[in-house]
Amino acid sequence: MAGIDTTTIVGLTAEIVAAYVSKNPMPASGLPDLIATVSGSVRKLGEADPEPEAAPVPAVNPKKSVFPDYIVCLEDGKKFKSMKRHLSVLGLTPDEYRAKWNLGPSYPMVAPNYASERSKLAKKAGLGRLAAVKPKGRRAAGAK
């Protein structure tokens, strides 16, 4: 229906409004608004639909992007141990990256072996433990 002329729009609007008014009681003061609404809708039907935005195509299959030693970026196909800094260069946060590629919230941003290696180093350094509570000493014998 591309390129509908004014005569056709007026004719279609008149037919639709006449059919509506014949079955639905309405005050005469409401007709101009009804005509404007119907006319606008008919004009929109004559316009071409914008082409839907193409879905992004990943550089690799998301199911094959996580390896023990690295993660492959779906944006450009590069391999990384940790994706966070690379994503910031691309202007994305990890959550935006996951949303863009329809990845679950559990999709890793760090290679599994790298994460376990960092975890072992942190535990070896004593991180992740609660500080030992010092036992309270007795008051000095003379103080009250």
Protein backbone atom coordinates (compact mmCIF):
# COMPACT_ATOMS: atom_id res chain seq x y z
CA MET A 1 0.00 0.00 0.00
CA ALA A 2 2.95 2.32 -0.49
CA GLY A 3 2.12 5.65 -2.09
CA ILE A 4 -1.58 5.95 -1.17
CA ASP A 5 -3.05 9.13 -2.62
CA THR A 6 -5.20 11.58 -0.64
CA THR A 7 -8.44 10.57 -2.36
CA THR A 8 -7.99 6.96 -1.31
CA ILE A 9 -7.17 7.97 2.27
CA VAL A 10 -10.29 10.15 2.48
CA GLY A 11 -12.46 7.37 1.01
CA LEU A 12 -11.15 4.71 3.38
CA THR A 13 -11.49 7.05 6.36
CA ALA A 14 -15.09 7.85 5.43
CA GLU A 15 -15.99 4.16 5.10
CA ILE A 16 -14.42 3.23 8.44
CA VAL A 17 -15.99 6.17 10.31
CA ALA A 18 -19.42 5.50 8.76
CA ALA A 19 -19.26 1.83 9.76
CA TYR A 20 -18.18 2.71 13.30
CA VAL A 21 -20.84 5.39 13.81
CA SER A 22 -23.60 3.13 12.44
CA LYS A 23 -22.97 0.58 15.24
CA ASN A 24 -21.77 2.85 18.08
CA PRO A 25 -23.78 5.82 19.37
CA MET A 26 -21.58 8.89 19.61
CA PRO A 27 -22.12 12.67 20.01
CA ALA A 28 -21.52 14.82 16.95
CA SER A 29 -18.80 16.71 18.82
CA GLY A 30 -16.68 13.53 18.91
CA LEU A 31 -16.68 13.01 15.13
CA PRO A 32 -13.73 15.32 14.30
CA ASP A 33 -11.48 13.47 16.76
CA LEU A 34 -12.61 10.10 15.43
CA ILE A 35 -12.01 11.18 11.83
CA ALA A 36 -8.53 12.51 12.69
CA THR A 37 -7.60 9.30 14.51
CA VAL A 38 -8.83 7.03 11.73
CA SER A 39 -7.21 9.18 9.04
CA GLY A 40 -3.86 9.08 10.87
CA SER A 41 -4.09 5.31 11.19
CA VAL A 42 -4.87 4.88 7.49
CA ARG A 43 -1.91 7.12 6.56
CA LYS A 44 0.41 5.01 8.75
CA LEU A 45 -0.74 1.88 6.94
CA GLY A 46 0.43 3.42 3.68
CA GLU A 47 3.93 4.07 4.97
CA ALA A 48 6.64 1.50 4.47
CA ASP A 49 7.63 -0.41 7.58
CA PRO A 50 11.18 0.33 8.70
CA GLU A 51 13.45 -2.65 8.29
CA PRO A 52 14.02 -4.43 11.58
CA GLU A 53 17.48 -3.98 13.03
CA ALA A 54 19.66 -6.96 12.20
CA ALA A 55 20.67 -9.06 15.17
CA PRO A 56 24.41 -8.94 15.86
CA VAL A 57 26.38 -11.92 14.62
CA PRO A 58 28.95 -13.23 17.12
CA ALA A 59 32.55 -13.80 16.02
CA VAL A 60 32.31 -17.36 17.40
CA ASN A 61 29.55 -19.63 18.63
CA PRO A 62 28.74 -18.58 22.25
CA LYS A 63 28.64 -22.24 23.30
CA LYS A 64 32.23 -22.66 22.12
CA SER A 65 33.61 -19.41 23.55
CA VAL A 66 34.66 -20.63 27.01
CA PHE A 67 37.82 -22.73 27.24
CA PRO A 68 39.77 -23.73 30.35
CA ASP A 69 42.62 -21.28 29.66
CA TYR A 70 40.81 -18.43 27.89
CA ILE A 71 37.48 -16.92 26.86
CA VAL A 72 36.82 -15.82 23.29
CA CYS A 73 35.18 -12.42 22.92
CA LEU A 74 32.00 -12.63 20.87
CA GLU A 75 32.51 -9.06 19.63
CA ASP A 76 35.85 -9.53 17.87
CA GLY A 77 36.98 -13.14 18.37
CA LYS A 78 40.02 -12.28 20.52
CA LYS A 79 41.12 -14.56 23.37
CA PHE A 80 41.37 -13.30 26.96
CA LYS A 81 41.93 -14.65 30.45
CA SER A 82 39.75 -11.86 31.82
CA MET A 83 37.18 -9.99 29.71
CA LYS A 84 36.29 -7.06 31.97
CA ARG A 85 39.02 -4.63 30.84
CA HIS A 86 38.50 -5.51 27.17
CA LEU A 87 34.76 -4.91 27.50
CA SER A 88 35.41 -1.48 28.99
CA VAL A 89 37.50 -0.63 25.91
CA LEU A 90 34.50 -1.65 23.80
CA GLY A 91 32.24 0.52 25.96
CA LEU A 92 30.33 -2.38 27.51
CA THR A 93 29.81 -3.62 31.03
CA PRO A 94 29.70 -7.37 31.70
CA ASP A 95 25.90 -7.17 32.15
CA GLU A 96 25.45 -5.26 28.87
CA TYR A 97 27.67 -7.80 27.09
CA ARG A 98 25.62 -10.69 28.46
CA ALA A 99 22.36 -8.96 27.47
CA LYS A 100 23.61 -8.14 23.96
CA TRP A 101 24.52 -11.75 23.23
CA ASN A 102 21.66 -13.35 25.23
CA LEU A 103 24.05 -15.00 27.68
CA GLY A 104 22.95 -16.17 31.09
CA PRO A 105 23.98 -14.39 34.29
CA SER A 106 26.34 -17.26 35.09
CA TYR A 107 28.36 -16.78 31.87
CA PRO A 108 31.96 -16.29 33.07
CA MET A 109 34.01 -13.17 32.42
CA VAL A 110 37.20 -14.95 33.55
CA ALA A 111 38.71 -18.18 32.19
CA PRO A 112 38.05 -21.10 34.59
CA ASN A 113 41.73 -22.08 35.08
CA TYR A 114 42.71 -18.44 35.65
CA ALA A 115 39.95 -18.02 38.23
CA SER A 116 41.03 -21.13 40.17
CA GLU A 117 44.68 -20.04 39.99
CA ARG A 118 43.81 -16.60 41.42
CA SER A 119 41.67 -18.25 44.10
CA LYS A 120 44.57 -20.48 45.19
CA LEU A 121 46.91 -17.48 45.35
CA ALA A 122 44.42 -15.52 47.45
CA LYS A 123 43.93 -18.41 49.88
CA LYS A 124 47.68 -18.89 50.14
CA ALA A 125 48.06 -15.20 51.01
CA GLY A 126 45.47 -15.61 53.77
CA LEU A 127 42.67 -13.72 52.10
CA GLY A 128 39.09 -14.80 52.63
CA ARG A 129 39.53 -15.79 56.26
CA LEU A 130 37.90 -14.06 59.17
CA ALA A 131 40.32 -12.28 61.45
CA ALA A 132 41.07 -14.24 64.61
CA VAL A 133 39.31 -12.79 67.64
CA LYS A 134 41.74 -11.94 70.42
CA PRO A 135 40.65 -13.29 73.82
CA LYS A 136 39.84 -10.61 76.34
CA GLY A 137 42.38 -10.44 79.13
CA ARG A 138 41.53 -10.05 82.81
CA ARG A 139 41.61 -6.65 84.33
CA ALA A 140 44.57 -5.74 86.37
CA ALA A 141 44.11 -6.77 90.01
CA GLY A 142 44.14 -3.24 91.40
CA ALA A 143 41.82 -1.52 88.90
CA LYS A 144 38.10 -1.26 89.56
